[in-house]
Amino acid sequence: MRIGELAERAGTTTRALRYYEQLGLLPARRAGNGYRAYGEDDLRLLNQIRTLQDFGFELEETRPFVECLRAGHPEGDSCPASLEVYRRKLAELDECIARLQEVRTQVAEQFARAEQARDELAAEAAWQTPQCELAVEWEER
């Protein structure tokens, strides 16, 4: 298939495919007429790249998965190098989650302090509200 068809089937652009080719992620094969030629295996490579990118992997992090597929493995994540990328990504995500938990705790504490200050101000304002002398006399009766 030609580049336009591959781009359409993969849900990407021809520009992206040329970029992947430039990075060595997508093989650059040419047909006799000089046009780029791609097969179903190339579509599998692209699907692997796009799936990983959807998960937040950097483009370079997809390389071990692509190489694993090119080596003939049925899945891009069945090679040791791919598993190592998974390990690193999980560690990165765990660190990010921990930082977010810390930030969430700080925001919750600040929110609680702000609510308490608001409640104290409201109580103080209610206590200090001037009362009408007639209303006080009326209440005393």
C-alpha atoms as a PDB file:
ATOM      1  CA  MET A   1       0.000   0.000   0.000  1.00  0.00           C
ATOM      2  CA  ARG A   2       1.079   3.566  -0.527  1.00  0.00           C
ATOM      3  CA  ILE A   3       1.700   6.169   2.153  1.00  0.00           C
ATOM      4  CA  GLY A   4      -1.713   7.836   1.899  1.00  0.00           C
ATOM      5  CA  GLU A   5      -3.572   4.569   2.380  1.00  0.00           C
ATOM      6  CA  LEU A   6      -1.354   3.582   5.301  1.00  0.00           C
ATOM      7  CA  ALA A   7      -1.886   6.969   6.939  1.00  0.00           C
ATOM      8  CA  GLU A   8      -5.645   6.662   6.526  1.00  0.00           C
ATOM      9  CA  ARG A   9      -5.784   3.119   7.874  1.00  0.00           C
ATOM     10  CA  ALA A  10      -3.551   4.029  10.825  1.00  0.00           C
ATOM     11  CA  GLY A  11      -5.507   7.194  11.605  1.00  0.00           C
ATOM     12  CA  THR A  12      -2.531   9.494  11.182  1.00  0.00           C
ATOM     13  CA  THR A  13      -0.990  11.781   8.570  1.00  0.00           C
ATOM     14  CA  THR A  14       1.512  11.187   5.817  1.00  0.00           C
ATOM     15  CA  ARG A  15       3.667  13.813   7.469  1.00  0.00           C
ATOM     16  CA  ALA A  16       3.776  11.751  10.679  1.00  0.00           C
ATOM     17  CA  LEU A  17       4.685   8.647   8.683  1.00  0.00           C
ATOM     18  CA  ARG A  18       7.565  10.453   6.996  1.00  0.00           C
ATOM     19  CA  TYR A  19       8.740  11.608  10.424  1.00  0.00           C
ATOM     20  CA  TYR A  20       8.604   8.042  11.788  1.00  0.00           C
ATOM     21  CA  GLU A  21      10.558   6.960   8.741  1.00  0.00           C
ATOM     22  CA  GLN A  22      13.139   9.671   9.366  1.00  0.00           C
ATOM     23  CA  LEU A  23      13.532   8.434  12.960  1.00  0.00           C
ATOM     24  CA  GLY A  24      13.953   4.870  11.765  1.00  0.00           C
ATOM     25  CA  LEU A  25      10.751   3.647  13.385  1.00  0.00           C
ATOM     26  CA  LEU A  26       9.059   2.906  10.089  1.00  0.00           C
ATOM     27  CA  PRO A  27      11.012   1.158   7.326  1.00  0.00           C
ATOM     28  CA  ALA A  28      11.624   3.132   4.153  1.00  0.00           C
ATOM     29  CA  ARG A  29      10.938   0.757   1.282  1.00  0.00           C
ATOM     30  CA  ARG A  30      10.374   1.959  -2.247  1.00  0.00           C
ATOM     31  CA  ALA A  31       8.436   0.292  -5.023  1.00  0.00           C
ATOM     32  CA  GLY A  32       9.844   0.111  -8.536  1.00  0.00           C
ATOM     33  CA  ASN A  33       8.105   3.383  -9.402  1.00  0.00           C
ATOM     34  CA  GLY A  34       9.839   5.175  -6.502  1.00  0.00           C
ATOM     35  CA  TYR A  35       6.751   5.429  -4.305  1.00  0.00           C
ATOM     36  CA  ARG A  36       6.940   4.355  -0.692  1.00  0.00           C
ATOM     37  CA  ALA A  37       5.526   0.855  -0.242  1.00  0.00           C
ATOM     38  CA  TYR A  38       4.064  -0.476   2.997  1.00  0.00           C
ATOM     39  CA  GLY A  39       2.501  -3.712   4.159  1.00  0.00           C
ATOM     40  CA  GLU A  40       0.302  -4.995   6.952  1.00  0.00           C
ATOM     41  CA  ASP A  41       3.346  -5.377   9.210  1.00  0.00           C
ATOM     42  CA  ASP A  42       3.947  -1.642   8.898  1.00  0.00           C
ATOM     43  CA  LEU A  43       0.356  -1.023   9.956  1.00  0.00           C
ATOM     44  CA  ARG A  44       0.991  -3.197  13.045  1.00  0.00           C
ATOM     45  CA  LEU A  45       4.079  -1.096  13.831  1.00  0.00           C
ATOM     46  CA  LEU A  46       2.082   2.095  13.553  1.00  0.00           C
ATOM     47  CA  ASN A  47      -0.729   0.744  15.699  1.00  0.00           C
ATOM     48  CA  GLN A  48       1.839  -0.178  18.361  1.00  0.00           C
ATOM     49  CA  ILE A  49       3.419   3.295  18.218  1.00  0.00           C
ATOM     50  CA  ARG A  50       0.080   5.086  18.396  1.00  0.00           C
ATOM     51  CA  THR A  51      -1.201   2.928  21.261  1.00  0.00           C
ATOM     52  CA  LEU A  52       1.921   3.623  23.295  1.00  0.00           C
ATOM     53  CA  GLN A  53       1.739   7.326  22.542  1.00  0.00           C
ATOM     54  CA  ASP A  54      -1.906   7.336  23.661  1.00  0.00           C
ATOM     55  CA  PHE A  55      -0.631   5.891  26.963  1.00  0.00           C
ATOM     56  CA  GLY A  56       1.806   8.805  27.290  1.00  0.00           C
ATOM     57  CA  PHE A  57       4.989   7.178  25.983  1.00  0.00           C
ATOM     58  CA  GLU A  58       7.458   9.412  24.199  1.00  0.00           C
ATOM     59  CA  LEU A  59       8.101   8.511  20.587  1.00  0.00           C
ATOM     60  CA  GLU A  60      11.613   7.288  21.334  1.00  0.00           C
ATOM     61  CA  GLU A  61      10.250   5.027  24.068  1.00  0.00           C
ATOM     62  CA  THR A  62       8.311   3.121  21.404  1.00  0.00           C
ATOM     63  CA  ARG A  63      11.502   2.000  19.648  1.00  0.00           C
ATOM     64  CA  PRO A  64      12.018  -1.259  21.639  1.00  0.00           C
ATOM     65  CA  PHE A  65       8.426  -2.281  20.909  1.00  0.00           C
ATOM     66  CA  VAL A  66       8.865  -1.573  17.198  1.00  0.00           C
ATOM     67  CA  GLU A  67      12.145  -3.477  17.123  1.00  0.00           C
ATOM     68  CA  CYS A  68      10.486  -6.402  18.910  1.00  0.00           C
ATOM     69  CA  LEU A  69       7.769  -6.556  16.257  1.00  0.00           C
ATOM     70  CA  ARG A  70      10.344  -6.254  13.473  1.00  0.00           C
ATOM     71  CA  ALA A  71      12.242  -9.185  14.992  1.00  0.00           C
ATOM     72  CA  GLY A  72       9.183 -11.326  14.326  1.00  0.00           C
ATOM     73  CA  HIS A  73       7.610 -11.439  17.769  1.00  0.00           C
ATOM     74  CA  PRO A  74       3.809 -11.539  17.737  1.00  0.00           C
ATOM     75  CA  GLU A  75       3.565  -8.674  20.235  1.00  0.00           C
ATOM     76  CA  GLY A  76       5.775  -5.624  20.619  1.00  0.00           C
ATOM     77  CA  ASP A  77       5.961  -6.009  24.361  1.00  0.00           C
ATOM     78  CA  SER A  78       7.272  -9.572  24.462  1.00  0.00           C
ATOM     79  CA  CYS A  79      10.959  -8.614  24.409  1.00  0.00           C
ATOM     80  CA  PRO A  80      13.142  -7.734  27.427  1.00  0.00           C
ATOM     81  CA  ALA A  81      13.847  -4.203  26.175  1.00  0.00           C
ATOM     82  CA  SER A  82      10.121  -3.496  25.893  1.00  0.00           C
ATOM     83  CA  LEU A  83       9.506  -4.813  29.397  1.00  0.00           C
ATOM     84  CA  GLU A  84      12.234  -2.507  30.699  1.00  0.00           C
ATOM     85  CA  VAL A  85      10.490   0.475  29.089  1.00  0.00           C
ATOM     86  CA  TYR A  86       7.281  -0.601  30.826  1.00  0.00           C
ATOM     87  CA  ARG A  87       9.144  -0.783  34.160  1.00  0.00           C
ATOM     88  CA  ARG A  88      10.563   2.702  33.717  1.00  0.00           C
ATOM     89  CA  LYS A  89       7.187   4.116  32.675  1.00  0.00           C
ATOM     90  CA  LEU A  90       5.458   2.532  35.665  1.00  0.00           C
ATOM     91  CA  ALA A  91       8.082   3.984  38.008  1.00  0.00           C
ATOM     92  CA  GLU A  92       7.620   7.392  36.370  1.00  0.00           C
ATOM     93  CA  LEU A  93       3.842   7.150  36.758  1.00  0.00           C
ATOM     94  CA  ASP A  94       4.152   6.065  40.392  1.00  0.00           C
ATOM     95  CA  GLU A  95       6.355   9.074  41.092  1.00  0.00           C
ATOM     96  CA  CYS A  96       3.904  11.376  39.355  1.00  0.00           C
ATOM     97  CA  ILE A  97       0.979   9.925  41.316  1.00  0.00           C
ATOM     98  CA  ALA A  98       2.880  10.387  44.582  1.00  0.00           C
ATOM     99  CA  ARG A  99       3.585  14.037  43.725  1.00  0.00           C
ATOM    100  CA  LEU A 100      -0.052  14.587  42.822  1.00  0.00           C
ATOM    101  CA  GLN A 101      -1.125  13.030  46.122  1.00  0.00           C
ATOM    102  CA  GLU A 102       1.171  15.446  47.965  1.00  0.00           C
ATOM    103  CA  VAL A 103      -0.253  18.407  46.071  1.00  0.00           C
ATOM    104  CA  ARG A 104      -3.788  17.185  46.703  1.00  0.00           C
ATOM    105  CA  THR A 105      -3.073  16.931  50.442  1.00  0.00           C
ATOM    106  CA  GLN A 106      -1.692  20.466  50.500  1.00  0.00           C
ATOM    107  CA  VAL A 107      -4.653  21.855  48.576  1.00  0.00           C
ATOM    108  CA  ALA A 108      -7.099  20.040  50.874  1.00  0.00           C
ATOM    109  CA  GLU A 109      -5.340  21.480  53.942  1.00  0.00           C
ATOM    110  CA  GLN A 110      -5.412  24.975  52.463  1.00  0.00           C
ATOM    111  CA  PHE A 111      -9.088  24.558  51.606  1.00  0.00           C
ATOM    112  CA  ALA A 112      -9.890  23.441  55.164  1.00  0.00           C
ATOM    113  CA  ARG A 113      -8.022  26.465  56.586  1.00  0.00           C
ATOM    114  CA  ALA A 114      -9.862  28.800  54.206  1.00  0.00           C
ATOM    115  CA  GLU A 115     -13.231  27.323  55.133  1.00  0.00           C
ATOM    116  CA  GLN A 116     -12.437  27.604  58.836  1.00  0.00           C
ATOM    117  CA  ALA A 117     -11.342  31.237  58.408  1.00  0.00           C
ATOM    118  CA  ARG A 118     -14.516  31.986  56.464  1.00  0.00           C
ATOM    119  CA  ASP A 119     -16.673  30.385  59.165  1.00  0.00           C
ATOM    120  CA  GLU A 120     -14.842  32.294  61.912  1.00  0.00           C
ATOM    121  CA  LEU A 121     -15.317  35.573  60.052  1.00  0.00           C
ATOM    122  CA  ALA A 122     -19.002  34.827  59.524  1.00  0.00           C
ATOM    123  CA  ALA A 123     -19.482  33.995  63.207  1.00  0.00           C
ATOM    124  CA  GLU A 124     -17.612  37.118  64.267  1.00  0.00           C
ATOM    125  CA  ALA A 125     -19.623  39.266  61.881  1.00  0.00           C
ATOM    126  CA  ALA A 126     -22.901  37.823  63.170  1.00  0.00           C
ATOM    127  CA  TRP A 127     -21.855  38.445  66.773  1.00  0.00           C
ATOM    128  CA  GLN A 128     -20.887  42.039  66.035  1.00  0.00           C
ATOM    129  CA  THR A 129     -23.973  42.882  63.974  1.00  0.00           C
ATOM    130  CA  PRO A 130     -25.481  46.051  65.456  1.00  0.00           C
ATOM    131  CA  GLN A 131     -28.956  45.507  66.784  1.00  0.00           C
ATOM    132  CA  CYS A 132     -31.801  47.924  66.660  1.00  0.00           C
ATOM    133  CA  GLU A 133     -32.560  49.385  70.138  1.00  0.00           C
ATOM    134  CA  LEU A 134     -36.266  48.900  69.630  1.00  0.00           C
ATOM    135  CA  ALA A 135     -35.729  45.227  68.807  1.00  0.00           C
ATOM    136  CA  VAL A 136     -33.709  44.772  72.002  1.00  0.00           C
ATOM    137  CA  GLU A 137     -36.401  46.463  74.084  1.00  0.00           C
ATOM    138  CA  TRP A 138     -39.044  44.323  72.413  1.00  0.00           C
ATOM    139  CA  GLU A 139     -37.139  41.148  73.212  1.00  0.00           C
ATOM    140  CA  GLU A 140     -36.787  42.165  76.857  1.00  0.00           C
ATOM    141  CA  ARG A 141     -40.538  42.403  77.337  1.00  0.00           C
END
